[in-house]
Amino acid sequence: MSHPKANRVLEALAAVIDSLKGARVSYMMIGAWALSVWGKPKRKRKRRAGRFCWVIAPEDLILQKLKVGRPRDFEDALSVLERSRKMLDFEYLKHWSGRLGLAAELDYVLGE
């Protein structure tokens, strides 16, 4: 499903990235684009400051960090893995790392 406003935002984001002439840019996948690339991202509803909001699931944060791929992102992915290991959905991680071409990166942070 295409949303005109989301498409305008993505076009603007693409223009900004193109203007950087190959510089590496870290960004989080958002909105309709994330859904089209990723499927339905996992998320959790949390209460913060008296309001409910959606928070990225640790599995998707790990995958996003691996996708960006800077040394700091690998450190962040390892940190999330260490803190959340008992509650992670490893089948989900394996599935999406394969679909996104990140299987080797995931194996690296998992120590496999």
PDB file of N, CA and C in Angstrom:
ATOM      1  N   MET A   1       0.851  -1.170   0.000  1.00  0.00           N
ATOM      2  CA  MET A   1       0.000   0.000   0.000  1.00  0.00           C
ATOM      3  C   MET A   1       0.897   1.234   0.000  1.00  0.00           C
ATOM      4  N   SER A   2       0.579   2.164  -0.863  1.00  0.00           N
ATOM      5  CA  SER A   2       1.365   3.378  -0.997  1.00  0.00           C
ATOM      6  C   SER A   2       0.623   4.545  -0.346  1.00  0.00           C
ATOM      7  N   HIS A   3       1.368   5.340   0.417  1.00  0.00           N
ATOM      8  CA  HIS A   3       0.790   6.509   1.079  1.00  0.00           C
ATOM      9  C   HIS A   3       1.493   7.747   0.532  1.00  0.00           C
ATOM     10  N   PRO A   4       0.753   8.713  -0.037  1.00  0.00           N
ATOM     11  CA  PRO A   4       1.383   9.897  -0.633  1.00  0.00           C
ATOM     12  C   PRO A   4       2.319  10.634   0.315  1.00  0.00           C
ATOM     13  N   LYS A   5       1.903  10.826   1.552  1.00  0.00           N
ATOM     14  CA  LYS A   5       2.750  11.562   2.497  1.00  0.00           C
ATOM     15  C   LYS A   5       4.027  10.779   2.785  1.00  0.00           C
ATOM     16  N   ALA A   6       3.912   9.462   2.993  1.00  0.00           N
ATOM     17  CA  ALA A   6       5.091   8.629   3.243  1.00  0.00           C
ATOM     18  C   ALA A   6       6.021   8.655   2.034  1.00  0.00           C
ATOM     19  N   ASN A   7       5.452   8.625   0.845  1.00  0.00           N
ATOM     20  CA  ASN A   7       6.281   8.667  -0.360  1.00  0.00           C
ATOM     21  C   ASN A   7       7.050   9.978  -0.456  1.00  0.00           C
ATOM     22  N   ARG A   8       6.405  11.095  -0.107  1.00  0.00           N
ATOM     23  CA  ARG A   8       7.089  12.394  -0.128  1.00  0.00           C
ATOM     24  C   ARG A   8       8.236  12.426   0.876  1.00  0.00           C
ATOM     25  N   VAL A   9       8.006  11.882   2.046  1.00  0.00           N
ATOM     26  CA  VAL A   9       9.059  11.833   3.069  1.00  0.00           C
ATOM     27  C   VAL A   9      10.224  10.991   2.572  1.00  0.00           C
ATOM     28  N   LEU A  10       9.919   9.834   1.989  1.00  0.00           N
ATOM     29  CA  LEU A  10      10.985   8.961   1.496  1.00  0.00           C
ATOM     30  C   LEU A  10      11.749   9.603   0.340  1.00  0.00           C
ATOM     31  N   GLU A  11      11.048  10.305  -0.535  1.00  0.00           N
ATOM     32  CA  GLU A  11      11.721  11.004  -1.623  1.00  0.00           C
ATOM     33  C   GLU A  11      12.655  12.073  -1.078  1.00  0.00           C
ATOM     34  N   ALA A  12      12.209  12.800  -0.058  1.00  0.00           N
ATOM     35  CA  ALA A  12      13.050  13.830   0.555  1.00  0.00           C
ATOM     36  C   ALA A  12      14.274  13.195   1.216  1.00  0.00           C
ATOM     37  N   LEU A  13      14.068  12.083   1.917  1.00  0.00           N
ATOM     38  CA  LEU A  13      15.170  11.379   2.564  1.00  0.00           C
ATOM     39  C   LEU A  13      16.162  10.886   1.514  1.00  0.00           C
ATOM     40  N   ALA A  14      15.661  10.327   0.416  1.00  0.00           N
ATOM     41  CA  ALA A  14      16.542   9.855  -0.659  1.00  0.00           C
ATOM     42  C   ALA A  14      17.356  11.004  -1.237  1.00  0.00           C
ATOM     43  N   ALA A  15      16.728  12.179  -1.399  1.00  0.00           N
ATOM     44  CA  ALA A  15      17.441  13.346  -1.933  1.00  0.00           C
ATOM     45  C   ALA A  15      18.560  13.772  -0.989  1.00  0.00           C
ATOM     46  N   VAL A  16      18.296  13.756   0.302  1.00  0.00           N
ATOM     47  CA  VAL A  16      19.325  14.131   1.283  1.00  0.00           C
ATOM     48  C   VAL A  16      20.478  13.142   1.222  1.00  0.00           C
ATOM     49  N   ILE A  17      20.158  11.851   1.210  1.00  0.00           N
ATOM     50  CA  ILE A  17      21.206  10.831   1.160  1.00  0.00           C
ATOM     51  C   ILE A  17      22.009  10.959  -0.129  1.00  0.00           C
ATOM     52  N   ASP A  18      21.329  11.162  -1.270  1.00  0.00           N
ATOM     53  CA  ASP A  18      22.026  11.339  -2.545  1.00  0.00           C
ATOM     54  C   ASP A  18      22.949  12.548  -2.509  1.00  0.00           C
ATOM     55  N   SER A  19      22.539  13.606  -1.823  1.00  0.00           N
ATOM     56  CA  SER A  19      23.342  14.826  -1.786  1.00  0.00           C
ATOM     57  C   SER A  19      24.627  14.648  -0.987  1.00  0.00           C
ATOM     58  N   LEU A  20      24.701  13.613  -0.173  1.00  0.00           N
ATOM     59  CA  LEU A  20      25.897  13.389   0.639  1.00  0.00           C
ATOM     60  C   LEU A  20      27.026  12.732  -0.148  1.00  0.00           C
ATOM     61  N   LYS A  21      26.771  12.400  -1.408  1.00  0.00           N
ATOM     62  CA  LYS A  21      27.800  11.881  -2.324  1.00  0.00           C
ATOM     63  C   LYS A  21      28.561  10.690  -1.744  1.00  0.00           C
ATOM     64  N   GLY A  22      27.830   9.675  -1.280  1.00  0.00           N
ATOM     65  CA  GLY A  22      28.473   8.441  -0.848  1.00  0.00           C
ATOM     66  C   GLY A  22      28.883   8.390   0.603  1.00  0.00           C
ATOM     67  N   ALA A  23      28.668   9.439   1.365  1.00  0.00           N
ATOM     68  CA  ALA A  23      29.000   9.390   2.793  1.00  0.00           C
ATOM     69  C   ALA A  23      28.112   8.355   3.466  1.00  0.00           C
ATOM     70  N   ARG A  24      28.652   7.645   4.429  1.00  0.00           N
ATOM     71  CA  ARG A  24      27.846   6.661   5.155  1.00  0.00           C
ATOM     72  C   ARG A  24      26.927   7.394   6.118  1.00  0.00           C
ATOM     73  N   VAL A  25      25.663   7.060   6.048  1.00  0.00           N
ATOM     74  CA  VAL A  25      24.665   7.718   6.881  1.00  0.00           C
ATOM     75  C   VAL A  25      23.950   6.652   7.687  1.00  0.00           C
ATOM     76  N   SER A  26      23.834   6.850   8.973  1.00  0.00           N
ATOM     77  CA  SER A  26      23.078   5.942   9.818  1.00  0.00           C
ATOM     78  C   SER A  26      21.655   6.465   9.934  1.00  0.00           C
ATOM     79  N   TYR A  27      20.695   5.634   9.641  1.00  0.00           N
ATOM     80  CA  TYR A  27      19.305   6.024   9.805  1.00  0.00           C
ATOM     81  C   TYR A  27      18.502   4.794  10.191  1.00  0.00           C
ATOM     82  N   MET A  28      17.388   5.012  10.835  1.00  0.00           N
ATOM     83  CA  MET A  28      16.495   3.931  11.215  1.00  0.00           C
ATOM     84  C   MET A  28      15.412   3.820  10.162  1.00  0.00           C
ATOM     85  N   MET A  29      15.023   2.593   9.840  1.00  0.00           N
ATOM     86  CA  MET A  29      13.977   2.414   8.850  1.00  0.00           C
ATOM     87  C   MET A  29      12.650   2.878   9.442  1.00  0.00           C
ATOM     88  N   ILE A  30      11.881   3.606   8.622  1.00  0.00           N
ATOM     89  CA  ILE A  30      10.653   4.197   9.128  1.00  0.00           C
ATOM     90  C   ILE A  30       9.479   3.907   8.227  1.00  0.00           C
ATOM     91  N   GLY A  31       8.302   3.967   8.812  1.00  0.00           N
ATOM     92  CA  GLY A  31       7.043   3.999   8.091  1.00  0.00           C
ATOM     93  C   GLY A  31       6.838   2.939   7.041  1.00  0.00           C
ATOM     94  N   ALA A  32       6.225   3.360   5.940  1.00  0.00           N
ATOM     95  CA  ALA A  32       5.847   2.447   4.866  1.00  0.00           C
ATOM     96  C   ALA A  32       7.058   1.770   4.254  1.00  0.00           C
ATOM     97  N   TRP A  33       8.178   2.488   4.191  1.00  0.00           N
ATOM     98  CA  TRP A  33       9.377   1.891   3.616  1.00  0.00           C
ATOM     99  C   TRP A  33       9.830   0.691   4.437  1.00  0.00           C
ATOM    100  N   ALA A  34       9.820   0.816   5.764  1.00  0.00           N
ATOM    101  CA  ALA A  34      10.207  -0.303   6.624  1.00  0.00           C
ATOM    102  C   ALA A  34       9.295  -1.488   6.383  1.00  0.00           C
ATOM    103  N   LEU A  35       8.017  -1.234   6.274  1.00  0.00           N
ATOM    104  CA  LEU A  35       7.078  -2.331   6.038  1.00  0.00           C
ATOM    105  C   LEU A  35       7.331  -3.002   4.701  1.00  0.00           C
ATOM    106  N   SER A  36       7.660  -2.230   3.676  1.00  0.00           N
ATOM    107  CA  SER A  36       7.865  -2.821   2.361  1.00  0.00           C
ATOM    108  C   SER A  36       9.154  -3.638   2.294  1.00  0.00           C
ATOM    109  N   VAL A  37      10.179  -3.236   3.028  1.00  0.00           N
ATOM    110  CA  VAL A  37      11.451  -3.952   3.009  1.00  0.00           C
ATOM    111  C   VAL A  37      11.448  -5.094   4.011  1.00  0.00           C
ATOM    112  N   TRP A  38      10.928  -4.850   5.165  1.00  0.00           N
ATOM    113  CA  TRP A  38      11.135  -5.687   6.330  1.00  0.00           C
ATOM    114  C   TRP A  38       9.953  -6.604   6.612  1.00  0.00           C
ATOM    115  N   GLY A  39       8.800  -6.334   6.044  1.00  0.00           N
ATOM    116  CA  GLY A  39       7.602  -7.026   6.491  1.00  0.00           C
ATOM    117  C   GLY A  39       7.045  -6.231   7.658  1.00  0.00           C
ATOM    118  N   LYS A  40       6.429  -6.870   8.579  1.00  0.00           N
ATOM    119  CA  LYS A  40       5.881  -6.166   9.742  1.00  0.00           C
ATOM    120  C   LYS A  40       6.911  -6.214  10.875  1.00  0.00           C
ATOM    121  N   PRO A  41       7.571  -5.086  11.125  1.00  0.00           N
ATOM    122  CA  PRO A  41       8.578  -5.097  12.200  1.00  0.00           C
ATOM    123  C   PRO A  41       7.945  -5.430  13.549  1.00  0.00           C
ATOM    124  N   LYS A  42       8.743  -6.102  14.373  1.00  0.00           N
ATOM    125  CA  LYS A  42       8.277  -6.380  15.727  1.00  0.00           C
ATOM    126  C   LYS A  42       8.341  -5.074  16.511  1.00  0.00           C
ATOM    127  N   ARG A  43       7.404  -4.871  17.359  1.00  0.00           N
ATOM    128  CA  ARG A  43       7.421  -3.691  18.217  1.00  0.00           C
ATOM    129  C   ARG A  43       6.652  -4.024  19.481  1.00  0.00           C
ATOM    130  N   LYS A  44       6.878  -3.224  20.481  1.00  0.00           N
ATOM    131  CA  LYS A  44       6.215  -3.425  21.764  1.00  0.00           C
ATOM    132  C   LYS A  44       5.579  -2.120  22.193  1.00  0.00           C
ATOM    133  N   ARG A  45       4.420  -2.239  22.777  1.00  0.00           N
ATOM    134  CA  ARG A  45       3.721  -1.049  23.286  1.00  0.00           C
ATOM    135  C   ARG A  45       4.168  -0.828  24.727  1.00  0.00           C
ATOM    136  N   LYS A  46       4.721   0.344  24.970  1.00  0.00           N
ATOM    137  CA  LYS A  46       5.231   0.681  26.300  1.00  0.00           C
ATOM    138  C   LYS A  46       4.596   1.974  26.776  1.00  0.00           C
ATOM    139  N   ARG A  47       4.485   2.097  28.088  1.00  0.00           N
ATOM    140  CA  ARG A  47       3.971   3.332  28.678  1.00  0.00           C
ATOM    141  C   ARG A  47       5.162   4.165  29.133  1.00  0.00           C
ATOM    142  N   ARG A  48       5.247   5.381  28.614  1.00  0.00           N
ATOM    143  CA  ARG A  48       6.319   6.308  28.953  1.00  0.00           C
ATOM    144  C   ARG A  48       5.698   7.664  29.252  1.00  0.00           C
ATOM    145  N   ALA A  49       6.041   8.216  30.384  1.00  0.00           N
ATOM    146  CA  ALA A  49       5.568   9.548  30.783  1.00  0.00           C
ATOM    147  C   ALA A  49       4.049   9.651  30.679  1.00  0.00           C
ATOM    148  N   GLY A  50       3.354   8.587  31.111  1.00  0.00           N
ATOM    149  CA  GLY A  50       1.904   8.611  31.124  1.00  0.00           C
ATOM    150  C   GLY A  50       1.232   8.377  29.784  1.00  0.00           C
ATOM    151  N   ARG A  51       2.008   8.102  28.750  1.00  0.00           N
ATOM    152  CA  ARG A  51       1.447   7.865  27.413  1.00  0.00           C
ATOM    153  C   ARG A  51       1.973   6.546  26.875  1.00  0.00           C
ATOM    154  N   PHE A  52       1.180   5.940  26.014  1.00  0.00           N
ATOM    155  CA  PHE A  52       1.619   4.727  25.354  1.00  0.00           C
ATOM    156  C   PHE A  52       2.317   5.082  24.051  1.00  0.00           C
ATOM    157  N   CYS A  53       3.385   4.347  23.755  1.00  0.00           N
ATOM    158  CA  CYS A  53       4.087   4.532  22.485  1.00  0.00           C
ATOM    159  C   CYS A  53       4.624   3.176  22.034  1.00  0.00           C
ATOM    160  N   TRP A  54       4.976   3.096  20.785  1.00  0.00           N
ATOM    161  CA  TRP A  54       5.551   1.886  20.227  1.00  0.00           C
ATOM    162  C   TRP A  54       7.064   1.976  20.306  1.00  0.00           C
ATOM    163  N   VAL A  55       7.687   0.911  20.766  1.00  0.00           N
ATOM    164  CA  VAL A  55       9.134   0.841  20.920  1.00  0.00           C
ATOM    165  C   VAL A  55       9.647  -0.315  20.070  1.00  0.00           C
ATOM    166  N   ILE A  56      10.740  -0.097  19.380  1.00  0.00           N
ATOM    167  CA  ILE A  56      11.322  -1.131  18.541  1.00  0.00           C
ATOM    168  C   ILE A  56      11.683  -2.357  19.386  1.00  0.00           C
ATOM    169  N   ALA A  57      11.431  -3.537  18.840  1.00  0.00           N
ATOM    170  CA  ALA A  57      11.796  -4.779  19.517  1.00  0.00           C
ATOM    171  C   ALA A  57      13.317  -4.961  19.420  1.00  0.00           C
ATOM    172  N   PRO A  58      13.921  -5.617  20.404  1.00  0.00           N
ATOM    173  CA  PRO A  58      15.378  -5.774  20.370  1.00  0.00           C
ATOM    174  C   PRO A  58      15.865  -6.519  19.125  1.00  0.00           C
ATOM    175  N   GLU A  59      15.073  -7.458  18.619  1.00  0.00           N
ATOM    176  CA  GLU A  59      15.482  -8.189  17.415  1.00  0.00           C
ATOM    177  C   GLU A  59      15.644  -7.244  16.220  1.00  0.00           C
ATOM    178  N   ASP A  60      14.694  -6.326  16.053  1.00  0.00           N
ATOM    179  CA  ASP A  60      14.771  -5.393  14.932  1.00  0.00           C
ATOM    180  C   ASP A  60      15.879  -4.370  15.131  1.00  0.00           C
ATOM    181  N   LEU A  61      16.137  -3.980  16.364  1.00  0.00           N
ATOM    182  CA  LEU A  61      17.244  -3.069  16.620  1.00  0.00           C
ATOM    183  C   LEU A  61      18.572  -3.743  16.253  1.00  0.00           C
ATOM    184  N   ILE A  62      18.723  -5.003  16.624  1.00  0.00           N
ATOM    185  CA  ILE A  62      19.935  -5.757  16.264  1.00  0.00           C
ATOM    186  C   ILE A  62      20.087  -5.806  14.750  1.00  0.00           C
ATOM    187  N   LEU A  63      19.008  -6.144  14.042  1.00  0.00           N
ATOM    188  CA  LEU A  63      19.071  -6.239  12.575  1.00  0.00           C
ATOM    189  C   LEU A  63      19.398  -4.891  11.940  1.00  0.00           C
ATOM    190  N   GLN A  64      18.798  -3.834  12.454  1.00  0.00           N
ATOM    191  CA  GLN A  64      19.081  -2.509  11.901  1.00  0.00           C
ATOM    192  C   GLN A  64      20.532  -2.107  12.134  1.00  0.00           C
ATOM    193  N   LYS A  65      21.049  -2.404  13.307  1.00  0.00           N
ATOM    194  CA  LYS A  65      22.448  -2.094  13.595  1.00  0.00           C
ATOM    195  C   LYS A  65      23.378  -2.891  12.683  1.00  0.00           C
ATOM    196  N   LEU A  66      23.051  -4.154  12.437  1.00  0.00           N
ATOM    197  CA  LEU A  66      23.870  -4.964  11.538  1.00  0.00           C
ATOM    198  C   LEU A  66      23.806  -4.436  10.111  1.00  0.00           C
ATOM    199  N   LYS A  67      22.649  -3.930   9.712  1.00  0.00           N
ATOM    200  CA  LYS A  67      22.485  -3.397   8.359  1.00  0.00           C
ATOM    201  C   LYS A  67      23.355  -2.161   8.143  1.00  0.00           C
ATOM    202  N   VAL A  68      23.426  -1.285   9.131  1.00  0.00           N
ATOM    203  CA  VAL A  68      24.265  -0.084   9.009  1.00  0.00           C
ATOM    204  C   VAL A  68      25.730  -0.514   8.970  1.00  0.00           C
ATOM    205  N   GLY A  69      26.137  -1.380   9.887  1.00  0.00           N
ATOM    206  CA  GLY A  69      27.416  -2.065   9.793  1.00  0.00           C
ATOM    207  C   GLY A  69      28.690  -1.348  10.190  1.00  0.00           C
ATOM    208  N   ARG A  70      28.600  -0.213  10.859  1.00  0.00           N
ATOM    209  CA  ARG A  70      29.821   0.430  11.348  1.00  0.00           C
ATOM    210  C   ARG A  70      30.303  -0.314  12.587  1.00  0.00           C
ATOM    211  N   PRO A  71      31.584  -0.168  12.961  1.00  0.00           N
ATOM    212  CA  PRO A  71      32.069  -0.837  14.177  1.00  0.00           C
ATOM    213  C   PRO A  71      31.197  -0.524  15.397  1.00  0.00           C
ATOM    214  N   ARG A  72      30.801   0.735  15.553  1.00  0.00           N
ATOM    215  CA  ARG A  72      29.952   1.122  16.692  1.00  0.00           C
ATOM    216  C   ARG A  72      28.611   0.398  16.655  1.00  0.00           C
ATOM    217  N   ASP A  73      28.073   0.176  15.455  1.00  0.00           N
ATOM    218  CA  ASP A  73      26.794  -0.527  15.325  1.00  0.00           C
ATOM    219  C   ASP A  73      26.925  -1.984  15.751  1.00  0.00           C
ATOM    220  N   PHE A  74      28.064  -2.610  15.442  1.00  0.00           N
ATOM    221  CA  PHE A  74      28.282  -3.985  15.893  1.00  0.00           C
ATOM    222  C   PHE A  74      28.384  -4.036  17.416  1.00  0.00           C
ATOM    223  N   GLU A  75      29.046  -3.041  18.007  1.00  0.00           N
ATOM    224  CA  GLU A  75      29.113  -2.961  19.468  1.00  0.00           C
ATOM    225  C   GLU A  75      27.711  -2.816  20.060  1.00  0.00           C
ATOM    226  N   ASP A  76      26.896  -1.957  19.450  1.00  0.00           N
ATOM    227  CA  ASP A  76      25.524  -1.762  19.917  1.00  0.00           C
ATOM    228  C   ASP A  76      24.724  -3.057  19.794  1.00  0.00           C
ATOM    229  N   ALA A  77      24.868  -3.751  18.658  1.00  0.00           N
ATOM    230  CA  ALA A  77      24.153  -5.018  18.458  1.00  0.00           C
ATOM    231  C   ALA A  77      24.556  -6.031  19.517  1.00  0.00           C
ATOM    232  N   LEU A  78      25.841  -6.106  19.828  1.00  0.00           N
ATOM    233  CA  LEU A  78      26.311  -7.023  20.876  1.00  0.00           C
ATOM    234  C   LEU A  78      25.730  -6.658  22.235  1.00  0.00           C
ATOM    235  N   SER A  79      25.669  -5.364  22.526  1.00  0.00           N
ATOM    236  CA  SER A  79      25.119  -4.910  23.796  1.00  0.00           C
ATOM    237  C   SER A  79      23.649  -5.292  23.934  1.00  0.00           C
ATOM    238  N   VAL A  80      22.868  -5.077  22.869  1.00  0.00           N
ATOM    239  CA  VAL A  80      21.448  -5.451  22.893  1.00  0.00           C
ATOM    240  C   VAL A  80      21.324  -6.967  23.053  1.00  0.00           C
ATOM    241  N   LEU A  81      22.154  -7.704  22.346  1.00  0.00           N
ATOM    242  CA  LEU A  81      22.134  -9.163  22.437  1.00  0.00           C
ATOM    243  C   LEU A  81      22.421  -9.635  23.865  1.00  0.00           C
ATOM    244  N   GLU A  82      23.435  -9.064  24.487  1.00  0.00           N
ATOM    245  CA  GLU A  82      23.793  -9.452  25.847  1.00  0.00           C
ATOM    246  C   GLU A  82      22.678  -9.130  26.837  1.00  0.00           C
ATOM    247  N   ARG A  83      22.064  -7.970  26.701  1.00  0.00           N
ATOM    248  CA  ARG A  83      21.025  -7.543  27.645  1.00  0.00           C
ATOM    249  C   ARG A  83      19.703  -8.279  27.447  1.00  0.00           C
ATOM    250  N   SER A  84      19.435  -8.711  26.217  1.00  0.00           N
ATOM    251  CA  SER A  84      18.114  -9.262  25.893  1.00  0.00           C
ATOM    252  C   SER A  84      18.137 -10.735  25.521  1.00  0.00           C
ATOM    253  N   ARG A  85      19.266 -11.398  25.654  1.00  0.00           N
ATOM    254  CA  ARG A  85      19.436 -12.769  25.150  1.00  0.00           C
ATOM    255  C   ARG A  85      18.309 -13.706  25.575  1.00  0.00           C
ATOM    256  N   LYS A  86      17.874 -13.642  26.819  1.00  0.00           N
ATOM    257  CA  LYS A  86      16.861 -14.579  27.325  1.00  0.00           C
ATOM    258  C   LYS A  86      15.493 -14.395  26.673  1.00  0.00           C
ATOM    259  N   MET A  87      15.223 -13.210  26.148  1.00  0.00           N
ATOM    260  CA  MET A  87      13.895 -12.958  25.582  1.00  0.00           C
ATOM    261  C   MET A  87      13.885 -12.828  24.062  1.00  0.00           C
ATOM    262  N   LEU A  88      15.047 -12.990  23.418  1.00  0.00           N
ATOM    263  CA  LEU A  88      15.111 -12.820  21.970  1.00  0.00           C
ATOM    264  C   LEU A  88      14.467 -13.980  21.221  1.00  0.00           C
ATOM    265  N   ASP A  89      13.869 -13.655  20.094  1.00  0.00           N
ATOM    266  CA  ASP A  89      13.287 -14.637  19.180  1.00  0.00           C
ATOM    267  C   ASP A  89      14.355 -14.945  18.127  1.00  0.00           C
ATOM    268  N   PHE A  90      15.143 -15.993  18.368  1.00  0.00           N
ATOM    269  CA  PHE A  90      16.261 -16.308  17.494  1.00  0.00           C
ATOM    270  C   PHE A  90      15.805 -16.808  16.121  1.00  0.00           C
ATOM    271  N   GLU A  91      14.656 -17.442  16.055  1.00  0.00           N
ATOM    272  CA  GLU A  91      14.128 -17.856  14.748  1.00  0.00           C
ATOM    273  C   GLU A  91      13.839 -16.626  13.893  1.00  0.00           C
ATOM    274  N   TYR A  92      13.244 -15.610  14.492  1.00  0.00           N
ATOM    275  CA  TYR A  92      12.963 -14.354  13.801  1.00  0.00           C
ATOM    276  C   TYR A  92      14.271 -13.713  13.315  1.00  0.00           C
ATOM    277  N   LEU A  93      15.278 -13.648  14.203  1.00  0.00           N
ATOM    278  CA  LEU A  93      16.570 -13.079  13.829  1.00  0.00           C
ATOM    279  C   LEU A  93      17.202 -13.830  12.663  1.00  0.00           C
ATOM    280  N   LYS A  94      17.200 -15.157  12.724  1.00  0.00           N
ATOM    281  CA  LYS A  94      17.794 -15.972  11.651  1.00  0.00           C
ATOM    282  C   LYS A  94      17.040 -15.758  10.343  1.00  0.00           C
ATOM    283  N   HIS A  95      15.708 -15.781  10.422  1.00  0.00           N
ATOM    284  CA  HIS A  95      14.893 -15.614   9.219  1.00  0.00           C
ATOM    285  C   HIS A  95      15.193 -14.279   8.539  1.00  0.00           C
ATOM    286  N   TRP A  96      15.094 -13.185   9.306  1.00  0.00           N
ATOM    287  CA  TRP A  96      15.249 -11.864   8.705  1.00  0.00           C
ATOM    288  C   TRP A  96      16.696 -11.551   8.352  1.00  0.00           C
ATOM    289  N   SER A  97      17.643 -12.086   9.089  1.00  0.00           N
ATOM    290  CA  SER A  97      19.043 -11.848   8.702  1.00  0.00           C
ATOM    291  C   SER A  97      19.320 -12.505   7.355  1.00  0.00           C
ATOM    292  N   GLY A  98      18.720 -13.659   7.111  1.00  0.00           N
ATOM    293  CA  GLY A  98      18.869 -14.299   5.804  1.00  0.00           C
ATOM    294  C   GLY A  98      18.216 -13.494   4.700  1.00  0.00           C
ATOM    295  N   ARG A  99      17.006 -13.026   4.933  1.00  0.00           N
ATOM    296  CA  ARG A  99      16.274 -12.245   3.920  1.00  0.00           C
ATOM    297  C   ARG A  99      16.960 -10.914   3.614  1.00  0.00           C
ATOM    298  N   LEU A 100      17.609 -10.338   4.611  1.00  0.00           N
ATOM    299  CA  LEU A 100      18.246  -9.031   4.446  1.00  0.00           C
ATOM    300  C   LEU A 100      19.726  -9.130   4.060  1.00  0.00           C
ATOM    301  N   GLY A 101      20.218 -10.361   3.874  1.00  0.00           N
ATOM    302  CA  GLY A 101      21.628 -10.533   3.515  1.00  0.00           C
ATOM    303  C   GLY A 101      22.574 -10.267   4.663  1.00  0.00           C
ATOM    304  N   LEU A 102      22.126 -10.534   5.885  1.00  0.00           N
ATOM    305  CA  LEU A 102      22.922 -10.239   7.084  1.00  0.00           C
ATOM    306  C   LEU A 102      23.276 -11.492   7.877  1.00  0.00           C
ATOM    307  N   ALA A 103      23.169 -12.662   7.258  1.00  0.00           N
ATOM    308  CA  ALA A 103      23.401 -13.913   7.991  1.00  0.00           C
ATOM    309  C   ALA A 103      24.816 -13.969   8.569  1.00  0.00           C
ATOM    310  N   ALA A 104      25.808 -13.579   7.793  1.00  0.00           N
ATOM    311  CA  ALA A 104      27.197 -13.616   8.278  1.00  0.00           C
ATOM    312  C   ALA A 104      27.395 -12.645   9.431  1.00  0.00           C
ATOM    313  N   GLU A 105      26.795 -11.463   9.325  1.00  0.00           N
ATOM    314  CA  GLU A 105      26.924 -10.475  10.392  1.00  0.00           C
ATOM    315  C   GLU A 105      26.256 -10.974  11.679  1.00  0.00           C
ATOM    316  N   LEU A 106      25.070 -11.602  11.535  1.00  0.00           N
ATOM    317  CA  LEU A 106      24.411 -12.126  12.725  1.00  0.00           C
ATOM    318  C   LEU A 106      25.236 -13.254  13.349  1.00  0.00           C
ATOM    319  N   ASP A 107      25.754 -14.142  12.524  1.00  0.00           N
ATOM    320  CA  ASP A 107      26.603 -15.217  13.049  1.00  0.00           C
ATOM    321  C   ASP A 107      27.800 -14.637  13.801  1.00  0.00           C
ATOM    322  N   TYR A 108      28.352 -13.552  13.278  1.00  0.00           N
ATOM    323  CA  TYR A 108      29.494 -12.917  13.929  1.00  0.00           C
ATOM    324  C   TYR A 108      29.140 -12.439  15.327  1.00  0.00           C
ATOM    325  N   VAL A 109      28.026 -11.699  15.464  1.00  0.00           N
ATOM    326  CA  VAL A 109      27.675 -11.179  16.791  1.00  0.00           C
ATOM    327  C   VAL A 109      27.194 -12.292  17.730  1.00  0.00           C
ATOM    328  N   LEU A 110      26.668 -13.379  17.156  1.00  0.00           N
ATOM    329  CA  LEU A 110      26.261 -14.507  17.992  1.00  0.00           C
ATOM    330  C   LEU A 110      27.445 -15.394  18.374  1.00  0.00           C
ATOM    331  N   GLY A 111      28.593 -15.148  17.755  1.00  0.00           N
ATOM    332  CA  GLY A 111      29.782 -15.936  18.049  1.00  0.00           C
ATOM    333  C   GLY A 111      29.750 -17.304  17.396  1.00  0.00           C
ATOM    334  N   GLU A 112      29.026 -17.422  16.296  1.00  0.00           N
ATOM    335  CA  GLU A 112      28.922 -18.725  15.603  1.00  0.00           C
ATOM    336  C   GLU A 112      29.849 -18.783  14.420  1.00  0.00           C
TER     337      GLU A 112
END
